[in-house]
Amino acid sequence: MTIAVTCPECQQQESLENVLTAQSNQNVIYTCPHCGYNERNIETSKG
């Protein structure tokens, strides 16, 4: 099952594993491959 994520900037959809990067310090980074939109330090349930 693939989960689609919609970019808040350009509204393009991409699969979850292609747009999110998890870092060792619990930070999650979203990067849109279509428009280059970048969001850092996304809050997660782990911290």
PDB file of N, CA and C in Angstrom:
ATOM      1  N   MET A   1       0.840  -1.189   0.000  1.00  0.00           N
ATOM      2  CA  MET A   1       0.000   0.000   0.000  1.00  0.00           C
ATOM      3  C   MET A   1       0.880   1.247   0.000  1.00  0.00           C
ATOM      4  N   THR A   2       0.654   2.107  -0.949  1.00  0.00           N
ATOM      5  CA  THR A   2       1.420   3.340  -1.050  1.00  0.00           C
ATOM      6  C   THR A   2       0.581   4.501  -0.539  1.00  0.00           C
ATOM      7  N   ILE A   3       1.181   5.319   0.305  1.00  0.00           N
ATOM      8  CA  ILE A   3       0.496   6.491   0.840  1.00  0.00           C
ATOM      9  C   ILE A   3       0.952   7.712   0.047  1.00  0.00           C
ATOM     10  N   ALA A   4      -0.009   8.475  -0.466  1.00  0.00           N
ATOM     11  CA  ALA A   4       0.311   9.665  -1.243  1.00  0.00           C
ATOM     12  C   ALA A   4       0.309  10.891  -0.338  1.00  0.00           C
ATOM     13  N   VAL A   5       1.285  11.766  -0.550  1.00  0.00           N
ATOM     14  CA  VAL A   5       1.395  13.012   0.195  1.00  0.00           C
ATOM     15  C   VAL A   5       1.231  14.152  -0.800  1.00  0.00           C
ATOM     16  N   THR A   6       0.406  15.141  -0.449  1.00  0.00           N
ATOM     17  CA  THR A   6       0.168  16.292  -1.318  1.00  0.00           C
ATOM     18  C   THR A   6       1.017  17.463  -0.860  1.00  0.00           C
ATOM     19  N   CYS A   7       1.744  18.066  -1.777  1.00  0.00           N
ATOM     20  CA  CYS A   7       2.587  19.222  -1.461  1.00  0.00           C
ATOM     21  C   CYS A   7       1.699  20.423  -1.133  1.00  0.00           C
ATOM     22  N   PRO A   8       1.961  21.119  -0.014  1.00  0.00           N
ATOM     23  CA  PRO A   8       1.149  22.292   0.331  1.00  0.00           C
ATOM     24  C   PRO A   8       1.417  23.481  -0.601  1.00  0.00           C
ATOM     25  N   GLU A   9       2.495  23.431  -1.350  1.00  0.00           N
ATOM     26  CA  GLU A   9       2.865  24.536  -2.235  1.00  0.00           C
ATOM     27  C   GLU A   9       2.293  24.361  -3.643  1.00  0.00           C
ATOM     28  N   CYS A  10       2.576  23.235  -4.300  1.00  0.00           N
ATOM     29  CA  CYS A  10       2.181  23.047  -5.698  1.00  0.00           C
ATOM     30  C   CYS A  10       1.036  22.056  -5.888  1.00  0.00           C
ATOM     31  N   GLN A  11       0.605  21.392  -4.804  1.00  0.00           N
ATOM     32  CA  GLN A  11      -0.516  20.445  -4.814  1.00  0.00           C
ATOM     33  C   GLN A  11      -0.249  19.142  -5.576  1.00  0.00           C
ATOM     34  N   GLN A  12       0.988  18.895  -5.985  1.00  0.00           N
ATOM     35  CA  GLN A  12       1.334  17.639  -6.646  1.00  0.00           C
ATOM     36  C   GLN A  12       1.402  16.538  -5.600  1.00  0.00           C
ATOM     37  N   GLN A  13       1.054  15.316  -6.004  1.00  0.00           N
ATOM     38  CA  GLN A  13       1.120  14.193  -5.079  1.00  0.00           C
ATOM     39  C   GLN A  13       2.315  13.309  -5.400  1.00  0.00           C
ATOM     40  N   GLU A  14       2.904  12.783  -4.352  1.00  0.00           N
ATOM     41  CA  GLU A  14       4.048  11.885  -4.479  1.00  0.00           C
ATOM     42  C   GLU A  14       3.953  10.874  -3.350  1.00  0.00           C
ATOM     43  N   SER A  15       4.537   9.687  -3.549  1.00  0.00           N
ATOM     44  CA  SER A  15       4.457   8.674  -2.501  1.00  0.00           C
ATOM     45  C   SER A  15       5.294   9.076  -1.288  1.00  0.00           C
ATOM     46  N   LEU A  16       4.833   8.654  -0.143  1.00  0.00           N
ATOM     47  CA  LEU A  16       5.419   9.027   1.142  1.00  0.00           C
ATOM     48  C   LEU A  16       6.927   8.783   1.199  1.00  0.00           C
ATOM     49  N   GLU A  17       7.367   7.614   0.743  1.00  0.00           N
ATOM     50  CA  GLU A  17       8.788   7.277   0.846  1.00  0.00           C
ATOM     51  C   GLU A  17       9.669   8.129  -0.067  1.00  0.00           C
ATOM     52  N   ASN A  18       9.078   8.815  -1.043  1.00  0.00           N
ATOM     53  CA  ASN A  18       9.858   9.665  -1.948  1.00  0.00           C
ATOM     54  C   ASN A  18      10.027  11.093  -1.448  1.00  0.00           C
ATOM     55  N   VAL A  19       9.227  11.508  -0.463  1.00  0.00           N
ATOM     56  CA  VAL A  19       9.260  12.910  -0.046  1.00  0.00           C
ATOM     57  C   VAL A  19       9.695  13.144   1.398  1.00  0.00           C
ATOM     58  N   LEU A  20       9.675  12.109   2.236  1.00  0.00           N
ATOM     59  CA  LEU A  20      10.056  12.299   3.636  1.00  0.00           C
ATOM     60  C   LEU A  20      11.403  11.671   3.947  1.00  0.00           C
ATOM     61  N   THR A  21      12.202  12.399   4.709  1.00  0.00           N
ATOM     62  CA  THR A  21      13.501  11.908   5.170  1.00  0.00           C
ATOM     63  C   THR A  21      13.512  11.988   6.684  1.00  0.00           C
ATOM     64  N   ALA A  22      13.769  10.879   7.340  1.00  0.00           N
ATOM     65  CA  ALA A  22      13.854  10.861   8.801  1.00  0.00           C
ATOM     66  C   ALA A  22      15.318  10.965   9.206  1.00  0.00           C
ATOM     67  N   GLN A  23      15.585  11.804  10.190  1.00  0.00           N
ATOM     68  CA  GLN A  23      16.944  11.972  10.691  1.00  0.00           C
ATOM     69  C   GLN A  23      17.071  11.332  12.061  1.00  0.00           C
ATOM     70  N   SER A  24      18.282  11.068  12.479  1.00  0.00           N
ATOM     71  CA  SER A  24      18.531  10.374  13.741  1.00  0.00           C
ATOM     72  C   SER A  24      18.085  11.174  14.964  1.00  0.00           C
ATOM     73  N   ASN A  25      17.964  12.483  14.840  1.00  0.00           N
ATOM     74  CA  ASN A  25      17.554  13.307  15.985  1.00  0.00           C
ATOM     75  C   ASN A  25      16.041  13.532  16.022  1.00  0.00           C
ATOM     76  N   GLN A  26      15.264  12.626  15.405  1.00  0.00           N
ATOM     77  CA  GLN A  26      13.796  12.645  15.389  1.00  0.00           C
ATOM     78  C   GLN A  26      13.208  13.698  14.461  1.00  0.00           C
ATOM     79  N   ASN A  27      14.042  14.460  13.751  1.00  0.00           N
ATOM     80  CA  ASN A  27      13.523  15.423  12.787  1.00  0.00           C
ATOM     81  C   ASN A  27      13.073  14.705  11.529  1.00  0.00           C
ATOM     82  N   VAL A  28      12.015  15.219  10.921  1.00  0.00           N
ATOM     83  CA  VAL A  28      11.534  14.707   9.646  1.00  0.00           C
ATOM     84  C   VAL A  28      11.549  15.865   8.662  1.00  0.00           C
ATOM     85  N   ILE A  29      12.077  15.620   7.464  1.00  0.00           N
ATOM     86  CA  ILE A  29      12.169  16.650   6.432  1.00  0.00           C
ATOM     87  C   ILE A  29      11.317  16.244   5.243  1.00  0.00           C
ATOM     88  N   TYR A  30      10.457  17.160   4.791  1.00  0.00           N
ATOM     89  CA  TYR A  30       9.644  16.942   3.598  1.00  0.00           C
ATOM     90  C   TYR A  30      10.259  17.743   2.461  1.00  0.00           C
ATOM     91  N   THR A  31      10.474  17.106   1.319  1.00  0.00           N
ATOM     92  CA  THR A  31      10.987  17.793   0.134  1.00  0.00           C
ATOM     93  C   THR A  31      10.152  17.383  -1.069  1.00  0.00           C
ATOM     94  N   CYS A  32       9.575  18.363  -1.758  1.00  0.00           N
ATOM     95  CA  CYS A  32       8.766  18.083  -2.941  1.00  0.00           C
ATOM     96  C   CYS A  32       9.676  17.985  -4.166  1.00  0.00           C
ATOM     97  N   PRO A  33       9.639  16.852  -4.889  1.00  0.00           N
ATOM     98  CA  PRO A  33      10.482  16.703  -6.072  1.00  0.00           C
ATOM     99  C   PRO A  33       9.976  17.507  -7.273  1.00  0.00           C
ATOM    100  N   HIS A  34       8.755  18.012  -7.197  1.00  0.00           N
ATOM    101  CA  HIS A  34       8.159  18.744  -8.311  1.00  0.00           C
ATOM    102  C   HIS A  34       8.510  20.233  -8.277  1.00  0.00           C
ATOM    103  N   CYS A  35       8.353  20.865  -7.100  1.00  0.00           N
ATOM    104  CA  CYS A  35       8.590  22.317  -7.023  1.00  0.00           C
ATOM    105  C   CYS A  35       9.752  22.686  -6.112  1.00  0.00           C
ATOM    106  N   GLY A  36      10.289  21.696  -5.369  1.00  0.00           N
ATOM    107  CA  GLY A  36      11.425  21.971  -4.496  1.00  0.00           C
ATOM    108  C   GLY A  36      11.043  22.487  -3.120  1.00  0.00           C
ATOM    109  N   TYR A  37       9.756  22.546  -2.819  1.00  0.00           N
ATOM    110  CA  TYR A  37       9.308  23.002  -1.499  1.00  0.00           C
ATOM    111  C   TYR A  37       9.938  22.136  -0.415  1.00  0.00           C
ATOM    112  N   ASN A  38      10.374  22.784   0.679  1.00  0.00           N
ATOM    113  CA  ASN A  38      11.078  22.073   1.738  1.00  0.00           C
ATOM    114  C   ASN A  38      10.498  22.476   3.082  1.00  0.00           C
ATOM    115  N   GLU A  39      10.190  21.493   3.920  1.00  0.00           N
ATOM    116  CA  GLU A  39       9.694  21.728   5.272  1.00  0.00           C
ATOM    117  C   GLU A  39      10.536  20.906   6.223  1.00  0.00           C
ATOM    118  N   ARG A  40      11.089  21.565   7.251  1.00  0.00           N
ATOM    119  CA  ARG A  40      11.967  20.880   8.198  1.00  0.00           C
ATOM    120  C   ARG A  40      11.351  20.854   9.590  1.00  0.00           C
ATOM    121  N   ASN A  41      11.882  19.974  10.429  1.00  0.00           N
ATOM    122  CA  ASN A  41      11.480  19.867  11.831  1.00  0.00           C
ATOM    123  C   ASN A  41       9.984  19.610  11.990  1.00  0.00           C
ATOM    124  N   ILE A  42       9.465  18.677  11.226  1.00  0.00           N
ATOM    125  CA  ILE A  42       8.059  18.316  11.283  1.00  0.00           C
ATOM    126  C   ILE A  42       7.803  17.529  12.561  1.00  0.00           C
ATOM    127  N   GLU A  43       6.774  17.939  13.310  1.00  0.00           N
ATOM    128  CA  GLU A  43       6.431  17.252  14.555  1.00  0.00           C
ATOM    129  C   GLU A  43       5.911  15.860  14.249  1.00  0.00           C
ATOM    130  N   THR A  44       6.389  14.889  15.020  1.00  0.00           N
ATOM    131  CA  THR A  44       5.916  13.513  14.890  1.00  0.00           C
ATOM    132  C   THR A  44       5.448  13.020  16.247  1.00  0.00           C
ATOM    133  N   SER A  45       4.812  11.876  16.281  1.00  0.00           N
ATOM    134  CA  SER A  45       4.345  11.329  17.555  1.00  0.00           C
ATOM    135  C   SER A  45       5.496  10.888  18.447  1.00  0.00           C
ATOM    136  N   LYS A  46       6.686  10.706  17.860  1.00  0.00           N
ATOM    137  CA  LYS A  46       7.855  10.288  18.626  1.00  0.00           C
ATOM    138  C   LYS A  46       8.614  11.461  19.224  1.00  0.00           C
ATOM    139  N   GLY A  47       8.335  12.677  18.789  1.00  0.00           N
ATOM    140  CA  GLY A  47       9.057  13.780  19.387  1.00  0.00           C
ATOM    141  C   GLY A  47       9.145  14.937  18.497  1.00  0.00           C
TER     142      GLY A  47
END
